[in-house]
């Protein structure tokens, strides 16, 4: 009986051990954003990377009672160059009082210059994917200029530049020119499956930043091969059925108009015929409103509505056909996810085609892809006419 009692007492003592790895919050160096660039000065055969960490300075954030008028900057950007990101993070601990802590990291910015270098992007992501402190929800974007410049762009609304970019990245329901934010967990899956992918692209200009299109990455090399514009992103979202909002500008006989998309869906059918040719039929259906009109005409006529439906459908067919042509002829890569759809829906045919999808026989590049759009105008706003 006494032995059993002592055994239970020993087990309970183990449960009272507490948090053996506890660190006081004041000793944490919270990193909210990371920027990766090629160093301005290179030497040797292995490229040198500049890593910039954006540390949060809690005392600079102020309190509601202070009205946000604290004169101290709420963040501190620290840049160090080297060939190993792991080594850089350890060097930061020697400079920054509190060592970097990445569990609350929101954003990773990679310069296009670095992403275009062979193997550089995959090597840079390796540490960030492996780090047990890293959350799978951390977002990844690319910048057409120095990535660290984005972590210096301040906003009147959000005191932390990384948080400002992170919030704008979530506005997909307001603009069809935004793609679904790429999280590092999804990036890891793309890299393992060797699927091509898109990463949101940000352009800094005159002290401000704006999302502008996306970078196209080769799933086999994880290298940036091209970029597409914001309008082309709208077309990609229409094709894939990922459009959650946004608008399309189109021309009518009465002038330019803006079609606000309220609902959009796509249906994709594909097959490989007996000759080995891939055939893809895409049907896109949208509903929306006339958000803006640059003319004096009334919009009450049903015949006029039908004409607008036709014009909008033609406009959407044009932009979607253009991005498909660019993917097949200019870029030579499938970044729409057709490859994954083929694997899910037609596995037997996929096994025969997978080694020749983007290379060899170039099944995707030689595919016959047809797009039809049925756009419907449901409303014109509170008035059919705003001026004579």
Protein backbone atom coordinates (compact mmCIF):
# COMPACT_ATOMS: atom_id res chain seq x y z
CA UNK A 1 0.00 0.00 0.00
CA UNK A 2 2.79 2.40 0.90
CA UNK A 3 4.62 1.63 -2.36
CA UNK A 4 1.50 2.35 -4.39
CA UNK A 5 1.02 5.59 -2.47
CA UNK A 6 4.59 6.66 -3.11
CA UNK A 7 4.25 5.80 -6.82
CA UNK A 8 1.15 7.96 -7.18
CA UNK A 9 2.80 10.76 -5.23
CA UNK A 10 5.76 10.63 -7.62
CA UNK A 11 3.43 10.84 -10.64
CA UNK A 12 1.67 13.86 -9.17
CA UNK A 13 5.03 15.55 -8.59
CA UNK A 14 5.79 15.21 -12.30
CA UNK A 15 2.57 17.01 -13.11
CA UNK A 16 3.62 19.88 -10.85
CA UNK A 17 6.85 20.46 -12.77
CA UNK A 18 5.40 23.60 -14.38
CA UNK A 19 6.55 25.14 -17.68
CA UNK A 20 10.17 24.08 -17.92
CA UNK A 21 10.76 26.25 -21.00
CA UNK A 22 8.92 29.34 -19.74
CA UNK A 23 10.28 32.70 -20.94
CA UNK A 24 9.03 36.02 -19.59
CA UNK A 25 7.11 37.99 -22.21
CA UNK A 26 9.37 41.00 -21.63
CA UNK A 27 12.28 38.88 -22.86
CA UNK A 28 10.63 37.94 -26.14
CA UNK A 29 11.73 39.67 -29.35
CA UNK A 30 8.43 39.45 -31.23
CA UNK A 31 8.99 39.47 -35.00
CA UNK A 32 5.92 40.54 -37.00
CA UNK A 33 7.45 40.62 -40.49
CA UNK A 34 10.46 39.23 -42.38
CA UNK A 35 11.97 40.53 -45.64
CA UNK A 36 14.45 38.59 -47.78
CA UNK A 37 16.69 40.25 -50.39
CA UNK A 38 19.86 39.53 -52.27
CA UNK A 39 22.65 41.44 -50.54
CA UNK A 40 23.92 44.46 -52.47
CA UNK A 41 27.47 43.14 -52.26
CA UNK A 42 28.12 39.55 -53.33
CA UNK A 43 31.30 37.51 -52.96
CA UNK A 44 32.13 33.87 -53.60
CA UNK A 45 30.05 31.25 -55.36
CA UNK A 46 27.16 31.11 -52.88
CA UNK A 47 24.74 34.08 -52.93
CA UNK A 48 24.52 36.27 -49.85
CA UNK A 49 21.06 37.05 -48.47
CA UNK A 50 19.97 40.08 -46.48
CA UNK A 51 17.35 39.19 -43.90
CA UNK A 52 15.32 41.99 -42.29
CA UNK A 53 13.24 41.29 -39.19
CA UNK A 54 10.57 43.72 -38.04
CA UNK A 55 10.56 43.62 -34.23
CA UNK A 56 7.58 44.99 -32.32
CA UNK A 57 8.38 47.74 -29.80
CA UNK A 58 5.44 47.52 -27.35
CA UNK A 59 6.21 50.85 -25.69
CA UNK A 60 5.81 52.56 -29.07
CA UNK A 61 2.29 51.26 -29.61
CA UNK A 62 0.89 53.44 -26.83
CA UNK A 63 -2.46 52.89 -25.14
CA UNK A 64 -6.02 53.97 -26.03
CA UNK A 65 -5.84 56.70 -23.38
CA UNK A 66 -2.80 58.17 -25.11
CA UNK A 67 -4.70 58.46 -28.36
CA UNK A 68 -1.90 56.83 -30.35
CA UNK A 69 0.34 59.91 -30.03
CA UNK A 70 3.34 58.08 -28.63
CA UNK A 71 6.45 59.59 -30.21
CA UNK A 72 8.40 56.32 -30.08
CA UNK A 73 8.39 54.17 -33.22
CA UNK A 74 6.34 50.98 -32.59
CA UNK A 75 8.74 48.78 -34.54
CA UNK A 76 12.42 48.27 -35.20
CA UNK A 77 13.78 46.82 -38.45
CA UNK A 78 17.06 44.93 -38.15
CA UNK A 79 18.93 43.78 -41.28
CA UNK A 80 21.85 41.32 -41.37
CA UNK A 81 23.47 39.66 -44.39
CA UNK A 82 24.87 36.17 -44.68
CA UNK A 83 24.66 32.85 -46.50
CA UNK A 84 22.67 31.05 -43.79
CA UNK A 85 19.37 32.37 -42.43
CA UNK A 86 19.75 30.22 -39.33
CA UNK A 87 23.09 31.86 -38.62
CA UNK A 88 21.59 35.30 -39.26
CA UNK A 89 18.85 34.73 -36.67
CA UNK A 90 21.50 33.77 -34.12
CA UNK A 91 23.51 36.89 -34.92
CA UNK A 92 20.39 39.00 -34.39
CA UNK A 93 20.25 37.66 -30.84
CA UNK A 94 23.71 39.16 -30.30
CA UNK A 95 22.59 42.58 -31.53
CA UNK A 96 18.94 42.75 -30.47
CA UNK A 97 18.48 42.60 -26.72
CA UNK A 98 15.69 40.05 -27.02
CA UNK A 99 16.33 37.17 -29.45
CA UNK A 100 13.91 36.91 -32.43
CA UNK A 101 10.71 35.01 -31.69
CA UNK A 102 8.69 34.00 -34.78
CA UNK A 103 5.53 32.52 -33.32
CA UNK A 104 3.56 35.71 -34.10
CA UNK A 105 5.07 36.28 -37.55
CA UNK A 106 2.39 37.56 -39.95
CA UNK A 107 4.25 38.23 -43.20
CA UNK A 108 7.24 37.11 -45.27
CA UNK A 109 8.27 39.40 -48.14
CA UNK A 110 10.64 38.08 -50.81
CA UNK A 111 12.18 40.29 -53.51
CA UNK A 112 11.66 39.25 -57.13
CA UNK A 113 15.41 39.57 -57.62
CA UNK A 114 16.02 36.80 -55.08
CA UNK A 115 13.08 34.67 -56.28
CA UNK A 116 14.42 34.64 -59.86
CA UNK A 117 17.74 33.14 -58.78
CA UNK A 118 17.91 29.32 -59.14
CA UNK A 119 17.19 27.49 -55.85
CA UNK A 120 17.32 30.70 -53.82
CA UNK A 121 13.62 30.92 -53.02
CA UNK A 122 13.33 27.26 -51.92
CA UNK A 123 16.51 27.51 -49.85
CA UNK A 124 15.27 30.70 -48.18
CA UNK A 125 11.93 29.13 -47.29
CA UNK A 126 13.56 26.01 -45.85
CA UNK A 127 14.39 27.52 -42.44
CA UNK A 128 11.04 29.28 -42.15
CA UNK A 129 9.10 26.11 -42.95
CA UNK A 130 11.14 23.95 -40.57
CA UNK A 131 11.10 26.38 -37.64
CA UNK A 132 8.77 24.95 -34.95
CA UNK A 133 7.89 28.51 -33.90
CA UNK A 134 6.53 29.28 -37.37
CA UNK A 135 2.76 29.19 -37.80
CA UNK A 136 1.37 27.67 -40.99
CA UNK A 137 -0.88 30.71 -41.46
CA UNK A 138 2.02 33.11 -42.08
CA UNK A 139 1.51 34.81 -45.45
CA UNK A 140 4.10 35.04 -48.24
CA UNK A 141 4.29 37.82 -50.87
CA UNK A 142 6.83 39.00 -53.45
CA UNK A 143 8.01 42.54 -54.09
CA UNK A 144 9.25 43.98 -57.38
CA UNK A 145 11.75 46.11 -55.45
CA UNK A 146 13.78 45.56 -52.30
CA UNK A 147 11.65 43.55 -49.89
CA UNK A 148 12.92 45.44 -46.85
CA UNK A 149 11.50 48.69 -48.30
CA UNK A 150 8.00 47.33 -47.74
CA UNK A 151 8.70 46.96 -44.03
CA UNK A 152 9.43 50.69 -43.91
CA UNK A 153 6.18 51.92 -45.48
CA UNK A 154 4.05 53.41 -42.73
CA UNK A 155 0.26 53.70 -42.63
CA UNK A 156 -1.94 56.24 -40.85
CA UNK A 157 -4.26 53.42 -39.77
CA UNK A 158 -1.93 50.58 -38.79
CA UNK A 159 1.25 51.42 -36.80
CA UNK A 160 3.08 48.25 -37.92
CA UNK A 161 3.92 48.10 -41.66
CA UNK A 162 3.81 44.29 -41.73
CA UNK A 163 0.32 44.29 -40.22
CA UNK A 164 -0.86 46.90 -42.73
CA UNK A 165 0.24 44.74 -45.68
CA UNK A 166 -1.27 41.67 -44.04
CA UNK A 167 -4.68 43.34 -43.72
CA UNK A 168 -4.75 44.66 -47.29
CA UNK A 169 -3.96 41.13 -48.46
CA UNK A 170 -7.31 40.00 -47.02
CA UNK A 171 -9.44 42.32 -49.20
CA UNK A 172 -10.16 39.71 -51.86
CA UNK A 173 -13.92 40.25 -51.54
CA UNK A 174 -13.46 43.90 -52.55
CA UNK A 175 -11.11 43.45 -55.49
CA UNK A 176 -10.97 40.63 -58.00
CA UNK A 177 -7.37 41.67 -58.70
CA UNK A 178 -6.28 39.93 -55.48
CA UNK A 179 -5.65 36.21 -55.26
CA UNK A 180 -6.19 34.11 -52.17
CA UNK A 181 -3.36 34.93 -49.74
CA UNK A 182 -0.62 32.32 -49.94
CA UNK A 183 0.15 30.86 -46.54
CA UNK A 184 3.40 29.13 -45.83
CA UNK A 185 1.59 25.87 -45.08
CA UNK A 186 0.09 25.86 -48.59
CA UNK A 187 3.46 26.86 -50.05
CA UNK A 188 5.03 23.83 -48.41
CA UNK A 189 2.41 21.60 -50.06
CA UNK A 190 3.05 23.13 -53.50
CA UNK A 191 6.78 22.59 -53.09
CA UNK A 192 6.31 18.96 -52.06
CA UNK A 193 3.81 18.20 -54.84
CA UNK A 194 5.85 20.20 -57.42
CA UNK A 195 2.72 22.08 -58.53
CA UNK A 196 3.05 25.51 -60.13
CA UNK A 197 1.71 28.34 -57.99
CA UNK A 198 1.06 32.08 -57.76
CA UNK A 199 2.27 34.42 -55.01
CA UNK A 200 0.67 37.87 -54.46
CA UNK A 201 2.88 40.69 -55.72
CA UNK A 202 3.32 44.09 -54.05
CA UNK A 203 4.73 47.22 -55.64
CA UNK A 204 6.07 50.01 -53.38
CA UNK A 205 5.76 53.50 -54.89
CA UNK A 206 6.17 57.02 -53.45
CA UNK A 207 6.09 55.84 -49.87
CA UNK A 208 3.00 53.70 -50.38
CA UNK A 209 2.39 50.11 -51.35
CA UNK A 210 -0.16 48.42 -53.61
CA UNK A 211 -0.90 44.83 -54.52
CA UNK A 212 -0.36 44.47 -58.26
CA UNK A 213 -0.81 41.04 -59.82
CA UNK A 214 1.15 37.95 -58.85
CA UNK A 215 4.40 36.15 -59.42
CA UNK A 216 4.27 32.86 -61.34
CA UNK A 217 6.45 30.15 -59.79
CA UNK A 218 7.63 26.92 -61.40
CA UNK A 219 6.69 24.04 -59.07
CA UNK A 220 9.72 21.97 -60.08
CA UNK A 221 12.37 24.64 -59.51
CA UNK A 222 10.43 26.92 -57.11
CA UNK A 223 11.74 29.80 -59.15
CA UNK A 224 9.93 32.97 -60.23
CA UNK A 225 9.51 32.76 -64.02
CA UNK A 226 7.09 35.61 -64.80
CA UNK A 227 4.53 38.03 -63.39
CA UNK A 228 0.91 38.68 -64.31
CA UNK A 229 -1.09 41.90 -63.87
CA UNK A 230 -4.08 42.71 -61.69
CA UNK A 231 -6.53 42.38 -64.61
CA UNK A 232 -5.02 39.00 -65.45
CA UNK A 233 -5.58 37.96 -61.82
CA UNK A 234 -9.28 38.83 -62.28
CA UNK A 235 -9.29 36.50 -65.29
CA UNK A 236 -7.56 33.71 -63.34
CA UNK A 237 -10.08 34.03 -60.50
CA UNK A 238 -12.96 33.86 -62.99
CA UNK A 239 -11.53 30.68 -64.51
CA UNK A 240 -10.83 28.93 -61.21
CA UNK A 241 -14.07 30.06 -59.57
CA UNK A 242 -12.22 31.87 -56.80
CA UNK A 243 -13.60 35.34 -57.56
CA UNK A 244 -15.26 36.69 -54.42
CA UNK A 245 -15.93 40.23 -55.60
CA UNK A 246 -14.57 43.01 -57.76
CA UNK A 247 -15.50 44.68 -61.02
CA UNK A 248 -14.98 44.72 -64.77
CA UNK A 249 -14.76 47.83 -66.93
CA UNK A 250 -16.30 47.54 -70.38
CA UNK A 251 -17.25 49.73 -73.34
CA UNK A 252 -20.75 50.22 -74.69
CA UNK A 253 -22.00 52.45 -77.51
CA UNK A 254 -22.83 55.05 -74.87
CA UNK A 255 -19.42 55.10 -73.19
CA UNK A 256 -17.54 53.28 -70.49
CA UNK A 257 -19.32 51.36 -67.72
CA UNK A 258 -18.34 49.44 -64.60
CA UNK A 259 -19.86 46.03 -63.82
CA UNK A 260 -19.68 45.11 -60.13
CA UNK A 261 -19.51 41.33 -59.73
CA UNK A 262 -21.68 40.03 -56.91
CA UNK A 263 -21.51 36.32 -57.69
CA UNK A 264 -19.33 34.22 -59.95
CA UNK A 265 -18.87 30.52 -60.48
CA UNK A 266 -17.15 28.35 -63.05
CA UNK A 267 -17.58 24.82 -64.28
CA UNK A 268 -14.57 23.08 -65.82
CA UNK A 269 -14.80 19.92 -67.89
CA UNK A 270 -11.68 18.21 -69.22
CA UNK A 271 -10.65 15.08 -71.03
CA UNK A 272 -7.83 13.64 -73.08
CA UNK A 273 -8.99 12.18 -76.40
CA UNK A 274 -7.66 9.11 -78.20
CA UNK A 275 -4.94 11.16 -79.88
CA UNK A 276 -3.61 12.34 -76.50
CA UNK A 277 -4.90 15.90 -76.91
CA UNK A 278 -6.22 17.66 -73.82
CA UNK A 279 -9.60 19.39 -74.18
CA UNK A 280 -10.85 21.81 -71.53
CA UNK A 281 -14.24 23.55 -71.59
CA UNK A 282 -14.79 26.34 -69.09
CA UNK A 283 -18.23 27.82 -68.41
CA UNK A 284 -18.33 30.99 -66.29
CA UNK A 285 -21.56 32.39 -64.88
CA UNK A 286 -21.72 35.78 -63.13
CA UNK A 287 -24.31 38.12 -61.67
CA UNK A 288 -23.75 41.74 -60.80
CA UNK A 289 -24.79 45.37 -60.90
CA UNK A 290 -23.98 48.38 -63.02
CA UNK A 291 -21.89 50.31 -60.50
CA UNK A 292 -20.97 53.32 -62.61
CA UNK A 293 -22.02 54.77 -65.96
CA UNK A 294 -20.20 57.43 -67.96
CA UNK A 295 -23.20 58.45 -70.07
CA UNK A 296 -26.62 60.09 -69.77
CA UNK A 297 -28.76 57.17 -70.96
CA UNK A 298 -31.49 55.51 -68.94
CA UNK A 299 -31.03 51.85 -68.01
CA UNK A 300 -34.72 50.93 -67.85
CA UNK A 301 -34.94 49.15 -71.21
CA UNK A 302 -34.91 45.34 -71.08
CA UNK A 303 -33.37 45.25 -74.54
CA UNK A 304 -30.60 47.52 -73.31
CA UNK A 305 -30.00 45.17 -70.36
CA UNK A 306 -29.66 42.24 -72.75
CA UNK A 307 -27.16 44.21 -74.78
CA UNK A 308 -25.14 44.96 -71.64
CA UNK A 309 -25.17 41.25 -70.70
CA UNK A 310 -23.69 40.45 -74.09
CA UNK A 311 -21.03 43.17 -73.89
CA UNK A 312 -19.94 42.12 -70.40
CA UNK A 313 -19.80 38.45 -71.42
CA UNK A 314 -17.65 39.31 -74.43
CA UNK A 315 -15.32 41.40 -72.27
CA UNK A 316 -14.87 38.55 -69.78
CA UNK A 317 -14.33 36.01 -72.54
CA UNK A 318 -11.62 38.24 -73.97
CA UNK A 319 -9.63 38.68 -70.75
CA UNK A 320 -9.91 35.00 -69.79
CA UNK A 321 -8.88 33.85 -73.27
CA UNK A 322 -5.93 36.26 -73.17
CA UNK A 323 -4.56 34.89 -69.89
CA UNK A 324 -4.95 31.31 -71.12
CA UNK A 325 -3.06 32.22 -74.30
CA UNK A 326 -0.34 33.86 -72.22
CA UNK A 327 -0.05 30.78 -70.00
CA UNK A 328 0.18 28.42 -72.96
CA UNK A 329 2.33 30.42 -75.38
CA UNK A 330 4.36 32.99 -73.41
CA UNK A 331 4.91 31.42 -69.98
CA UNK A 332 4.39 27.80 -71.00
CA UNK A 333 3.04 26.77 -67.60
CA UNK A 334 -0.27 25.73 -66.08
CA UNK A 335 -0.91 27.93 -63.03
CA UNK A 336 -4.71 27.49 -63.04
CA UNK A 337 -4.72 24.18 -61.19
CA UNK A 338 -5.81 22.13 -64.23
CA UNK A 339 -3.08 19.62 -63.40
CA UNK A 340 -4.53 18.98 -59.94
CA UNK A 341 -8.07 18.77 -61.35
CA UNK A 342 -6.95 16.18 -63.88
CA UNK A 343 -5.34 14.11 -61.14
CA UNK A 344 -8.50 14.22 -59.00
CA UNK A 345 -11.09 13.61 -61.71
CA UNK A 346 -9.35 11.46 -64.32
CA UNK A 347 -6.63 9.60 -62.48
CA UNK A 348 -5.99 6.94 -65.12
CA UNK A 349 -5.52 9.52 -67.86
CA UNK A 350 -3.43 11.59 -65.47
CA UNK A 351 -0.96 8.76 -64.91
CA UNK A 352 -0.30 8.71 -68.64
CA UNK A 353 -0.03 12.49 -68.96
CA UNK A 354 1.73 13.62 -65.76
CA UNK A 355 5.30 13.45 -67.12
CA UNK A 356 4.38 15.46 -70.20
CA UNK A 357 2.08 18.11 -68.74
CA UNK A 358 4.41 21.16 -68.84
CA UNK A 359 7.37 19.47 -70.52
CA UNK A 360 8.14 16.69 -73.00
CA UNK A 361 5.03 16.53 -75.17
CA UNK A 362 3.73 19.72 -73.50
CA UNK A 363 0.15 18.52 -73.14
CA UNK A 364 -1.02 21.73 -71.45
CA UNK A 365 0.62 24.05 -73.97
CA UNK A 366 -1.02 22.16 -76.86
CA UNK A 367 -4.42 21.79 -75.19
CA UNK A 368 -7.64 23.08 -76.70
CA UNK A 369 -9.18 25.38 -74.08
CA UNK A 370 -12.53 27.06 -74.72
CA UNK A 371 -14.19 29.65 -72.47
CA UNK A 372 -17.81 30.77 -72.54
CA UNK A 373 -19.22 33.41 -70.20
CA UNK A 374 -22.81 34.15 -69.24
CA UNK A 375 -22.92 37.50 -67.43
CA UNK A 376 -26.16 38.92 -66.06
CA UNK A 377 -26.94 42.45 -64.90
CA UNK A 378 -29.35 42.31 -61.96
CA UNK A 379 -29.55 45.94 -60.85
CA UNK A 380 -28.45 49.47 -61.72
CA UNK A 381 -28.32 50.97 -58.24
CA UNK A 382 -31.00 53.13 -56.61
CA UNK A 383 -31.65 55.07 -59.83
CA UNK A 384 -31.76 54.19 -63.50
CA UNK A 385 -30.37 57.65 -64.41
CA UNK A 386 -28.43 60.27 -62.42
CA UNK A 387 -28.32 63.19 -64.86
CA UNK A 388 -29.92 64.54 -68.05
